Amino acid sequence: MKQPSRPLDHLVLPVPSLAVARDRLALLGFTCAPDGIHPFGTVNTCVYFADGTFLEPLAVGYPQRAAETAREGNAFTAGDAHFRAIRGDNGFAALVLGSQDADADDAAFRAEGFPGGTRLDFSRGFRTPDGAEGEASFRLAFAAPQAGNAAFFFACQRVNVPVVDRTALETHENGVTGIRGITLAAANPHTHRAFLEAFTGAEVDAFEDHVEVVLPNAAIAIVRDPGVTDLACLAIRFACADPDALRRRLTASCIDFNDVDGTLAVPPAPGQGALFQFEA
């Protein structure tokens, strides 16, 4: 029996520091969670949405520990270090899908010919704005479209995530309620169709200039870009409750943006490594 397709879980955005990310995202009207500390040297300040997805701005908080774990085969820190070495400290590094069974997903990625590294288990503490604390545990299964790809891909099983009230963290001044879609780029999108099907577990539709897959909670497209040498993460499309209010906010804050048929597109900037697109 075919397993259901994997949903979007979150997106990893490397940043030079969490302070830079907080400043930029706050300017755009996002609410950032308190700092999270990984046991392998990286730190984050997540942006949670009401649809269950989130952004993970990621910095290297403890460089020595991050470098050690990468050398030891930690696919997460190795992937982050590889991306930063190629693309720099500000970007869109990883697309993460949800997993019901990371062991099964790891086996499936390997069987399909797209292994991305050793499966990883870890736990980290968290703190909510009201001071509640707890520990969350995860299992990660990695997939790779090709050797040496700058962006990396994995499925995340939330093994032990305590139920907490995230209403305050999921409420954003810009009116964003979730992630509608992700745009990837490649010189030839059709080259990566098999990978996208193996990674998502869903059928991929092929068109002349792009391929696309619809997940339970978002869509992923790979568009043609002759200047891209691998499979790159490019843009994030958000659902926004009030684009007019956001337009006024961006204008008042002197943030560059394009307005095309009601979709507001904000180009990458320090602390925001992807093109952000906001639509009603």
C-alpha atoms as a PDB file:
ATOM      1  CA  MET A   1       0.000   0.000   0.000  1.00  0.00           C
ATOM      2  CA  LYS A   2       1.418   3.373  -1.032  1.00  0.00           C
ATOM      3  CA  GLN A   3       2.201   5.697   1.871  1.00  0.00           C
ATOM      4  CA  PRO A   4       0.616   9.168   1.839  1.00  0.00           C
ATOM      5  CA  SER A   5       2.765  11.992   0.543  1.00  0.00           C
ATOM      6  CA  ARG A   6       4.878  13.843   3.066  1.00  0.00           C
ATOM      7  CA  PRO A   7       3.637  17.312   4.075  1.00  0.00           C
ATOM      8  CA  LEU A   8       5.739  20.430   4.329  1.00  0.00           C
ATOM      9  CA  ASP A   9       7.231  20.754   7.823  1.00  0.00           C
ATOM     10  CA  HIS A  10       9.618  23.713   7.792  1.00  0.00           C
ATOM     11  CA  LEU A  11      12.301  25.632   5.902  1.00  0.00           C
ATOM     12  CA  VAL A  12      15.868  26.302   7.059  1.00  0.00           C
ATOM     13  CA  LEU A  13      17.296  29.778   6.424  1.00  0.00           C
ATOM     14  CA  PRO A  14      20.971  30.240   7.374  1.00  0.00           C
ATOM     15  CA  VAL A  15      21.712  33.675   8.824  1.00  0.00           C
ATOM     16  CA  PRO A  16      24.925  35.352  10.023  1.00  0.00           C
ATOM     17  CA  SER A  17      23.426  35.763  13.501  1.00  0.00           C
ATOM     18  CA  LEU A  18      20.063  35.403  15.206  1.00  0.00           C
ATOM     19  CA  ALA A  19      20.113  39.127  15.982  1.00  0.00           C
ATOM     20  CA  VAL A  20      20.291  39.957  12.275  1.00  0.00           C
ATOM     21  CA  ALA A  21      17.426  37.549  11.568  1.00  0.00           C
ATOM     22  CA  ARG A  22      15.263  38.942  14.369  1.00  0.00           C
ATOM     23  CA  ASP A  23      15.768  42.522  13.210  1.00  0.00           C
ATOM     24  CA  ARG A  24      14.876  41.743   9.591  1.00  0.00           C
ATOM     25  CA  LEU A  25      11.917  39.480  10.334  1.00  0.00           C
ATOM     26  CA  ALA A  26      10.478  41.893  12.903  1.00  0.00           C
ATOM     27  CA  LEU A  27      10.694  44.661  10.303  1.00  0.00           C
ATOM     28  CA  LEU A  28       8.636  42.441   7.989  1.00  0.00           C
ATOM     29  CA  GLY A  29       6.067  41.862  10.736  1.00  0.00           C
ATOM     30  CA  PHE A  30       6.967  38.328  11.827  1.00  0.00           C
ATOM     31  CA  THR A  31       6.996  37.088  15.424  1.00  0.00           C
ATOM     32  CA  CYS A  32      10.166  35.170  16.344  1.00  0.00           C
ATOM     33  CA  ALA A  33      10.276  32.492  19.044  1.00  0.00           C
ATOM     34  CA  PRO A  34      12.881  32.564  21.839  1.00  0.00           C
ATOM     35  CA  ASP A  35      16.283  31.176  20.850  1.00  0.00           C
ATOM     36  CA  GLY A  36      16.560  27.421  20.481  1.00  0.00           C
ATOM     37  CA  ILE A  37      19.883  25.654  21.057  1.00  0.00           C
ATOM     38  CA  HIS A  38      20.773  22.435  19.252  1.00  0.00           C
ATOM     39  CA  PRO A  39      23.125  19.961  20.941  1.00  0.00           C
ATOM     40  CA  PHE A  40      25.412  20.038  17.906  1.00  0.00           C
ATOM     41  CA  GLY A  41      26.363  23.714  17.772  1.00  0.00           C
ATOM     42  CA  THR A  42      23.647  25.507  15.804  1.00  0.00           C
ATOM     43  CA  VAL A  43      20.975  27.838  17.196  1.00  0.00           C
ATOM     44  CA  ASN A  44      17.649  29.079  15.825  1.00  0.00           C
ATOM     45  CA  THR A  45      14.820  31.542  16.313  1.00  0.00           C
ATOM     46  CA  CYS A  46      11.807  29.902  14.681  1.00  0.00           C
ATOM     47  CA  VAL A  47       8.812  31.615  13.109  1.00  0.00           C
ATOM     48  CA  TYR A  48       5.741  29.452  13.660  1.00  0.00           C
ATOM     49  CA  PHE A  49       2.539  29.603  11.626  1.00  0.00           C
ATOM     50  CA  ALA A  50      -1.053  28.670  12.348  1.00  0.00           C
ATOM     51  CA  ASP A  51      -0.990  26.001   9.611  1.00  0.00           C
ATOM     52  CA  GLY A  52       1.680  24.008  11.505  1.00  0.00           C
ATOM     53  CA  THR A  53       4.634  24.938   9.290  1.00  0.00           C
ATOM     54  CA  PHE A  54       7.501  27.207  10.287  1.00  0.00           C
ATOM     55  CA  LEU A  55      10.672  28.992   9.248  1.00  0.00           C
ATOM     56  CA  GLU A  56      13.943  28.128  10.965  1.00  0.00           C
ATOM     57  CA  PRO A  57      16.462  30.976  10.784  1.00  0.00           C
ATOM     58  CA  LEU A  58      19.676  29.166  11.694  1.00  0.00           C
ATOM     59  CA  ALA A  59      22.987  30.507  13.003  1.00  0.00           C
ATOM     60  CA  VAL A  60      26.175  28.820  14.155  1.00  0.00           C
ATOM     61  CA  GLY A  61      26.137  29.531  17.873  1.00  0.00           C
ATOM     62  CA  TYR A  62      29.020  27.277  18.869  1.00  0.00           C
ATOM     63  CA  PRO A  63      31.414  27.016  15.906  1.00  0.00           C
ATOM     64  CA  GLN A  64      33.777  24.449  17.419  1.00  0.00           C
ATOM     65  CA  ARG A  65      30.954  22.085  18.333  1.00  0.00           C
ATOM     66  CA  ALA A  66      29.296  22.517  14.927  1.00  0.00           C
ATOM     67  CA  ALA A  67      32.561  21.778  13.118  1.00  0.00           C
ATOM     68  CA  GLU A  68      33.261  18.722  15.290  1.00  0.00           C
ATOM     69  CA  THR A  69      29.836  17.184  14.717  1.00  0.00           C
ATOM     70  CA  ALA A  70      30.039  17.863  10.983  1.00  0.00           C
ATOM     71  CA  ARG A  71      33.350  15.998  10.818  1.00  0.00           C
ATOM     72  CA  GLU A  72      31.793  13.163  12.829  1.00  0.00           C
ATOM     73  CA  GLY A  73      29.086  12.712  10.185  1.00  0.00           C
ATOM     74  CA  ASN A  74      26.194  14.792  11.503  1.00  0.00           C
ATOM     75  CA  ALA A  75      24.304  15.376   8.249  1.00  0.00           C
ATOM     76  CA  PHE A  76      22.587  18.502   9.583  1.00  0.00           C
ATOM     77  CA  THR A  77      25.685  20.447  10.607  1.00  0.00           C
ATOM     78  CA  ALA A  78      27.609  19.078   7.623  1.00  0.00           C
ATOM     79  CA  GLY A  79      24.827  20.242   5.314  1.00  0.00           C
ATOM     80  CA  ASP A  80      24.732  23.674   6.925  1.00  0.00           C
ATOM     81  CA  ALA A  81      28.524  24.051   6.717  1.00  0.00           C
ATOM     82  CA  HIS A  82      28.562  22.900   3.079  1.00  0.00           C
ATOM     83  CA  PHE A  83      25.834  25.384   2.154  1.00  0.00           C
ATOM     84  CA  ARG A  84      27.590  28.285   3.909  1.00  0.00           C
ATOM     85  CA  ALA A  85      30.891  27.424   2.218  1.00  0.00           C
ATOM     86  CA  ILE A  86      29.228  27.651  -1.210  1.00  0.00           C
ATOM     87  CA  ARG A  87      26.451  30.222  -0.789  1.00  0.00           C
ATOM     88  CA  GLY A  88      27.536  32.239   2.251  1.00  0.00           C
ATOM     89  CA  ASP A  89      25.982  32.868   5.658  1.00  0.00           C
ATOM     90  CA  ASN A  90      22.657  34.192   4.375  1.00  0.00           C
ATOM     91  CA  GLY A  91      20.370  32.024   2.279  1.00  0.00           C
ATOM     92  CA  PHE A  92      17.727  29.338   1.910  1.00  0.00           C
ATOM     93  CA  ALA A  93      19.471  26.054   2.659  1.00  0.00           C
ATOM     94  CA  ALA A  94      16.969  23.297   3.367  1.00  0.00           C
ATOM     95  CA  LEU A  95      13.480  22.100   2.524  1.00  0.00           C
ATOM     96  CA  VAL A  96      12.063  19.876   5.274  1.00  0.00           C
ATOM     97  CA  LEU A  97       9.055  17.586   5.017  1.00  0.00           C
ATOM     98  CA  GLY A  98       7.128  15.915   7.803  1.00  0.00           C
ATOM     99  CA  SER A  99       7.700  12.245   8.593  1.00  0.00           C
ATOM    100  CA  GLN A 100       5.626   9.620  10.358  1.00  0.00           C
ATOM    101  CA  ASP A 101       8.539   7.164  10.384  1.00  0.00           C
ATOM    102  CA  ALA A 102      12.048   8.517   9.813  1.00  0.00           C
ATOM    103  CA  ASP A 103      13.570   5.022   9.696  1.00  0.00           C
ATOM    104  CA  ALA A 104      11.221   4.032   6.875  1.00  0.00           C
ATOM    105  CA  ASP A 105      11.866   7.297   5.053  1.00  0.00           C
ATOM    106  CA  ASP A 106      15.619   6.836   5.345  1.00  0.00           C
ATOM    107  CA  ALA A 107      15.303   3.352   3.865  1.00  0.00           C
ATOM    108  CA  ALA A 108      13.053   4.650   1.083  1.00  0.00           C
ATOM    109  CA  PHE A 109      15.438   7.472   0.131  1.00  0.00           C
ATOM    110  CA  ARG A 110      18.307   4.993  -0.056  1.00  0.00           C
ATOM    111  CA  ALA A 111      16.288   2.470  -2.061  1.00  0.00           C
ATOM    112  CA  GLU A 112      15.361   5.178  -4.571  1.00  0.00           C
ATOM    113  CA  GLY A 113      19.029   6.144  -4.963  1.00  0.00           C
ATOM    114  CA  PHE A 114      18.924   9.484  -3.127  1.00  0.00           C
ATOM    115  CA  PRO A 115      20.700   8.973   0.233  1.00  0.00           C
ATOM    116  CA  GLY A 116      21.605  12.205   1.976  1.00  0.00           C
ATOM    117  CA  GLY A 117      23.508  11.080   5.050  1.00  0.00           C
ATOM    118  CA  THR A 118      23.172   9.142   8.281  1.00  0.00           C
ATOM    119  CA  ARG A 119      19.830   9.343  10.064  1.00  0.00           C
ATOM    120  CA  LEU A 120      19.932  11.700  13.037  1.00  0.00           C
ATOM    121  CA  ASP A 121      18.171  11.712  16.424  1.00  0.00           C
ATOM    122  CA  PHE A 122      18.325  14.707  18.750  1.00  0.00           C
ATOM    123  CA  SER A 123      16.514  16.574  21.496  1.00  0.00           C
ATOM    124  CA  ARG A 124      16.577  20.226  22.465  1.00  0.00           C
ATOM    125  CA  GLY A 125      14.993  22.388  25.095  1.00  0.00           C
ATOM    126  CA  PHE A 126      12.496  25.104  24.275  1.00  0.00           C
ATOM    127  CA  ARG A 127      10.874  28.051  26.010  1.00  0.00           C
ATOM    128  CA  THR A 128       7.602  29.795  25.185  1.00  0.00           C
ATOM    129  CA  PRO A 129       7.084  33.568  25.542  1.00  0.00           C
ATOM    130  CA  ASP A 130       5.172  33.010  28.794  1.00  0.00           C
ATOM    131  CA  GLY A 131       8.158  31.191  30.306  1.00  0.00           C
ATOM    132  CA  ALA A 132       7.003  27.577  29.932  1.00  0.00           C
ATOM    133  CA  GLU A 133       9.891  25.210  29.241  1.00  0.00           C
ATOM    134  CA  GLY A 134      10.183  21.673  27.922  1.00  0.00           C
ATOM    135  CA  GLU A 135      12.178  19.332  25.694  1.00  0.00           C
ATOM    136  CA  ALA A 136      11.355  18.304  22.136  1.00  0.00           C
ATOM    137  CA  SER A 137      12.810  15.286  20.304  1.00  0.00           C
ATOM    138  CA  PHE A 138      13.193  14.690  16.580  1.00  0.00           C
ATOM    139  CA  ARG A 139      14.358  12.082  14.071  1.00  0.00           C
ATOM    140  CA  LEU A 140      15.722  13.234  10.727  1.00  0.00           C
ATOM    141  CA  ALA A 141      16.101  11.281   7.476  1.00  0.00           C
ATOM    142  CA  PHE A 142      18.165  12.953   4.750  1.00  0.00           C
ATOM    143  CA  ALA A 143      17.833  12.836   0.969  1.00  0.00           C
ATOM    144  CA  ALA A 144      20.104  14.350  -1.693  1.00  0.00           C
ATOM    145  CA  PRO A 145      19.285  15.137  -5.342  1.00  0.00           C
ATOM    146  CA  GLN A 146      22.948  14.796  -6.332  1.00  0.00           C
ATOM    147  CA  ALA A 147      26.377  14.687  -4.734  1.00  0.00           C
ATOM    148  CA  GLY A 148      27.646  18.065  -3.588  1.00  0.00           C
ATOM    149  CA  ASN A 149      24.313  19.887  -3.863  1.00  0.00           C
ATOM    150  CA  ALA A 150      24.472  23.128  -1.853  1.00  0.00           C
ATOM    151  CA  ALA A 151      20.888  22.941  -0.569  1.00  0.00           C
ATOM    152  CA  PHE A 152      19.966  19.905   1.500  1.00  0.00           C
ATOM    153  CA  PHE A 153      16.717  18.047   2.075  1.00  0.00           C
ATOM    154  CA  PHE A 154      15.346  15.951   4.916  1.00  0.00           C
ATOM    155  CA  ALA A 155      12.219  14.556   6.515  1.00  0.00           C
ATOM    156  CA  CYS A 156      11.565  15.349  10.187  1.00  0.00           C
ATOM    157  CA  GLN A 157       9.649  13.107  12.570  1.00  0.00           C
ATOM    158  CA  ARG A 158       8.467  14.929  15.680  1.00  0.00           C
ATOM    159  CA  VAL A 159       8.969  12.152  18.215  1.00  0.00           C
ATOM    160  CA  ASN A 160       8.268  14.039  21.421  1.00  0.00           C
ATOM    161  CA  VAL A 161       6.923  17.556  21.069  1.00  0.00           C
ATOM    162  CA  PRO A 162       4.925  18.649  24.133  1.00  0.00           C
ATOM    163  CA  VAL A 163       1.613  20.316  23.425  1.00  0.00           C
ATOM    164  CA  VAL A 164       1.921  24.026  24.225  1.00  0.00           C
ATOM    165  CA  ASP A 165      -0.172  27.060  23.379  1.00  0.00           C
ATOM    166  CA  ARG A 166       1.661  28.741  20.499  1.00  0.00           C
ATOM    167  CA  THR A 167      -1.064  31.255  19.725  1.00  0.00           C
ATOM    168  CA  ALA A 168       1.167  34.218  20.546  1.00  0.00           C
ATOM    169  CA  LEU A 169       4.022  32.859  18.436  1.00  0.00           C
ATOM    170  CA  GLU A 170       1.696  32.050  15.518  1.00  0.00           C
ATOM    171  CA  THR A 171       0.249  35.576  15.445  1.00  0.00           C
ATOM    172  CA  HIS A 172       2.112  37.926  13.136  1.00  0.00           C
ATOM    173  CA  GLU A 173       1.621  41.646  12.585  1.00  0.00           C
ATOM    174  CA  ASN A 174       1.946  41.107   8.824  1.00  0.00           C
ATOM    175  CA  GLY A 175      -1.099  38.809   8.779  1.00  0.00           C
ATOM    176  CA  VAL A 176       0.769  35.697   7.592  1.00  0.00           C
ATOM    177  CA  THR A 177      -1.020  32.473   8.506  1.00  0.00           C
ATOM    178  CA  GLY A 178       1.093  29.866   6.742  1.00  0.00           C
ATOM    179  CA  ILE A 179       3.240  28.752   3.823  1.00  0.00           C
ATOM    180  CA  ARG A 180       1.473  28.129   0.505  1.00  0.00           C
ATOM    181  CA  GLY A 181       4.392  27.085  -1.631  1.00  0.00           C
ATOM    182  CA  ILE A 182       8.116  26.846  -2.248  1.00  0.00           C
ATOM    183  CA  THR A 183       9.998  27.539  -5.453  1.00  0.00           C
ATOM    184  CA  LEU A 184      13.203  25.689  -6.275  1.00  0.00           C
ATOM    185  CA  ALA A 185      15.369  26.338  -9.326  1.00  0.00           C
ATOM    186  CA  ALA A 186      17.505  24.200 -11.629  1.00  0.00           C
ATOM    187  CA  ALA A 187      19.037  24.486 -15.086  1.00  0.00           C
ATOM    188  CA  ASN A 188      16.803  21.605 -16.162  1.00  0.00           C
ATOM    189  CA  PRO A 189      13.880  21.015 -13.755  1.00  0.00           C
ATOM    190  CA  HIS A 190      13.013  17.684 -15.376  1.00  0.00           C
ATOM    191  CA  THR A 191      16.376  16.284 -14.271  1.00  0.00           C
ATOM    192  CA  HIS A 192      15.143  16.422 -10.669  1.00  0.00           C
ATOM    193  CA  ARG A 193      11.643  15.020 -11.207  1.00  0.00           C
ATOM    194  CA  ALA A 194      12.578  11.546  -9.909  1.00  0.00           C
ATOM    195  CA  PHE A 195      14.208  13.039  -6.821  1.00  0.00           C
ATOM    196  CA  LEU A 196      11.189  15.220  -6.062  1.00  0.00           C
ATOM    197  CA  GLU A 197       8.863  12.222  -6.362  1.00  0.00           C
ATOM    198  CA  ALA A 198      11.076  10.106  -4.087  1.00  0.00           C
ATOM    199  CA  PHE A 199      11.459  12.893  -1.539  1.00  0.00           C
ATOM    200  CA  THR A 200       7.801  13.903  -1.353  1.00  0.00           C
ATOM    201  CA  GLY A 201       6.190  10.524  -1.993  1.00  0.00           C
ATOM    202  CA  ALA A 202       3.815  12.229  -4.413  1.00  0.00           C
ATOM    203  CA  GLU A 203       3.335  12.303  -8.174  1.00  0.00           C
ATOM    204  CA  VAL A 204       5.114  15.205  -9.857  1.00  0.00           C
ATOM    205  CA  ASP A 205       3.497  16.991 -12.801  1.00  0.00           C
ATOM    206  CA  ALA A 206       5.843  17.979 -15.614  1.00  0.00           C
ATOM    207  CA  PHE A 207       5.409  21.075 -17.777  1.00  0.00           C
ATOM    208  CA  GLU A 208       7.583  22.598 -20.482  1.00  0.00           C
ATOM    209  CA  ASP A 209       9.535  24.927 -18.207  1.00  0.00           C
ATOM    210  CA  HIS A 210       8.935  23.517 -14.712  1.00  0.00           C
ATOM    211  CA  VAL A 211       7.816  20.570 -12.620  1.00  0.00           C
ATOM    212  CA  GLU A 212       5.411  20.788  -9.704  1.00  0.00           C
ATOM    213  CA  VAL A 213       4.070  18.659  -6.878  1.00  0.00           C
ATOM    214  CA  VAL A 214       1.113  19.372  -4.595  1.00  0.00           C
ATOM    215  CA  LEU A 215       1.559  18.219  -0.999  1.00  0.00           C
ATOM    216  CA  PRO A 216      -1.228  17.986   1.596  1.00  0.00           C
ATOM    217  CA  ASN A 217      -0.430  21.502   2.836  1.00  0.00           C
ATOM    218  CA  ALA A 218       1.713  23.261   0.209  1.00  0.00           C
ATOM    219  CA  ALA A 219       3.029  23.118  -3.348  1.00  0.00           C
ATOM    220  CA  ILE A 220       6.626  22.754  -4.526  1.00  0.00           C
ATOM    221  CA  ALA A 221       7.762  23.856  -7.976  1.00  0.00           C
ATOM    222  CA  ILE A 222      11.140  23.569  -9.672  1.00  0.00           C
ATOM    223  CA  VAL A 223      11.520  26.328 -12.265  1.00  0.00           C
ATOM    224  CA  ARG A 224      14.059  26.643 -15.047  1.00  0.00           C
ATOM    225  CA  ASP A 225      17.080  28.880 -14.392  1.00  0.00           C
ATOM    226  CA  PRO A 226      20.036  28.365 -16.767  1.00  0.00           C
ATOM    227  CA  GLY A 227      22.347  30.102 -14.288  1.00  0.00           C
ATOM    228  CA  VAL A 228      21.818  27.544 -11.518  1.00  0.00           C
ATOM    229  CA  THR A 229      24.321  24.688 -11.339  1.00  0.00           C
ATOM    230  CA  ASP A 230      22.432  22.433  -8.892  1.00  0.00           C
ATOM    231  CA  LEU A 231      18.988  22.204  -7.265  1.00  0.00           C
ATOM    232  CA  ALA A 232      18.617  25.499  -5.409  1.00  0.00           C
ATOM    233  CA  CYS A 233      16.001  26.808  -2.965  1.00  0.00           C
ATOM    234  CA  LEU A 234      14.726  30.139  -4.231  1.00  0.00           C
ATOM    235  CA  ALA A 235      11.439  31.518  -2.856  1.00  0.00           C
ATOM    236  CA  ILE A 236       8.752  31.083  -0.194  1.00  0.00           C
ATOM    237  CA  ARG A 237       5.108  31.922  -0.858  1.00  0.00           C
ATOM    238  CA  PHE A 238       3.065  32.949   2.199  1.00  0.00           C
ATOM    239  CA  ALA A 239      -0.662  33.161   2.811  1.00  0.00           C
ATOM    240  CA  CYS A 240      -1.356  36.710   4.041  1.00  0.00           C
ATOM    241  CA  ALA A 241      -4.670  37.774   5.550  1.00  0.00           C
ATOM    242  CA  ASP A 242      -4.305  41.454   4.621  1.00  0.00           C
ATOM    243  CA  PRO A 243      -1.858  42.237   1.796  1.00  0.00           C
ATOM    244  CA  ASP A 244      -2.993  45.879   1.731  1.00  0.00           C
ATOM    245  CA  ALA A 245      -1.931  46.373   5.346  1.00  0.00           C
ATOM    246  CA  LEU A 246       1.369  44.641   4.625  1.00  0.00           C
ATOM    247  CA  ARG A 247       1.907  46.873   1.587  1.00  0.00           C
ATOM    248  CA  ARG A 248       1.512  49.927   3.798  1.00  0.00           C
ATOM    249  CA  ARG A 249       3.898  48.446   6.359  1.00  0.00           C
ATOM    250  CA  LEU A 250       6.590  47.731   3.780  1.00  0.00           C
ATOM    251  CA  THR A 251       6.266  51.201   2.313  1.00  0.00           C
ATOM    252  CA  ALA A 252       6.445  52.887   5.719  1.00  0.00           C
ATOM    253  CA  SER A 253       9.530  50.820   6.623  1.00  0.00           C
ATOM    254  CA  CYS A 254      11.249  51.661   3.305  1.00  0.00           C
ATOM    255  CA  ILE A 255      11.518  47.965   2.402  1.00  0.00           C
ATOM    256  CA  ASP A 256      11.961  47.260  -1.306  1.00  0.00           C
ATOM    257  CA  PHE A 257       9.207  45.124  -2.813  1.00  0.00           C
ATOM    258  CA  ASN A 258       7.467  44.415  -6.102  1.00  0.00           C
ATOM    259  CA  ASP A 259       3.695  44.295  -6.436  1.00  0.00           C
ATOM    260  CA  VAL A 260       2.572  42.008  -9.258  1.00  0.00           C
ATOM    261  CA  ASP A 261      -1.159  41.349  -9.521  1.00  0.00           C
ATOM    262  CA  GLY A 262      -1.566  41.730  -5.774  1.00  0.00           C
ATOM    263  CA  THR A 263       1.350  39.471  -4.810  1.00  0.00           C
ATOM    264  CA  LEU A 264       3.980  41.338  -2.803  1.00  0.00           C
ATOM    265  CA  ALA A 265       7.521  40.094  -3.479  1.00  0.00           C
ATOM    266  CA  VAL A 266      10.310  41.099  -1.075  1.00  0.00           C
ATOM    267  CA  PRO A 267      13.835  40.307  -2.346  1.00  0.00           C
ATOM    268  CA  PRO A 268      16.407  38.627  -0.079  1.00  0.00           C
ATOM    269  CA  ALA A 269      18.268  40.756   2.451  1.00  0.00           C
ATOM    270  CA  PRO A 270      20.519  40.092   5.460  1.00  0.00           C
ATOM    271  CA  GLY A 271      18.488  37.937   7.840  1.00  0.00           C
ATOM    272  CA  GLN A 272      16.100  36.941   5.025  1.00  0.00           C
ATOM    273  CA  GLY A 273      17.871  34.564   2.683  1.00  0.00           C
ATOM    274  CA  ALA A 274      14.969  33.786   0.350  1.00  0.00           C
ATOM    275  CA  LEU A 275      12.608  35.729  -1.866  1.00  0.00           C
ATOM    276  CA  PHE A 276       9.433  36.222   0.210  1.00  0.00           C
ATOM    277  CA  GLN A 277       6.127  36.356  -1.670  1.00  0.00           C
ATOM    278  CA  PHE A 278       2.932  37.367   0.128  1.00  0.00           C
ATOM    279  CA  GLU A 279      -0.519  36.716  -1.337  1.00  0.00           C
ATOM    280  CA  ALA A 280      -4.127  36.802  -0.159  1.00  0.00           C
END
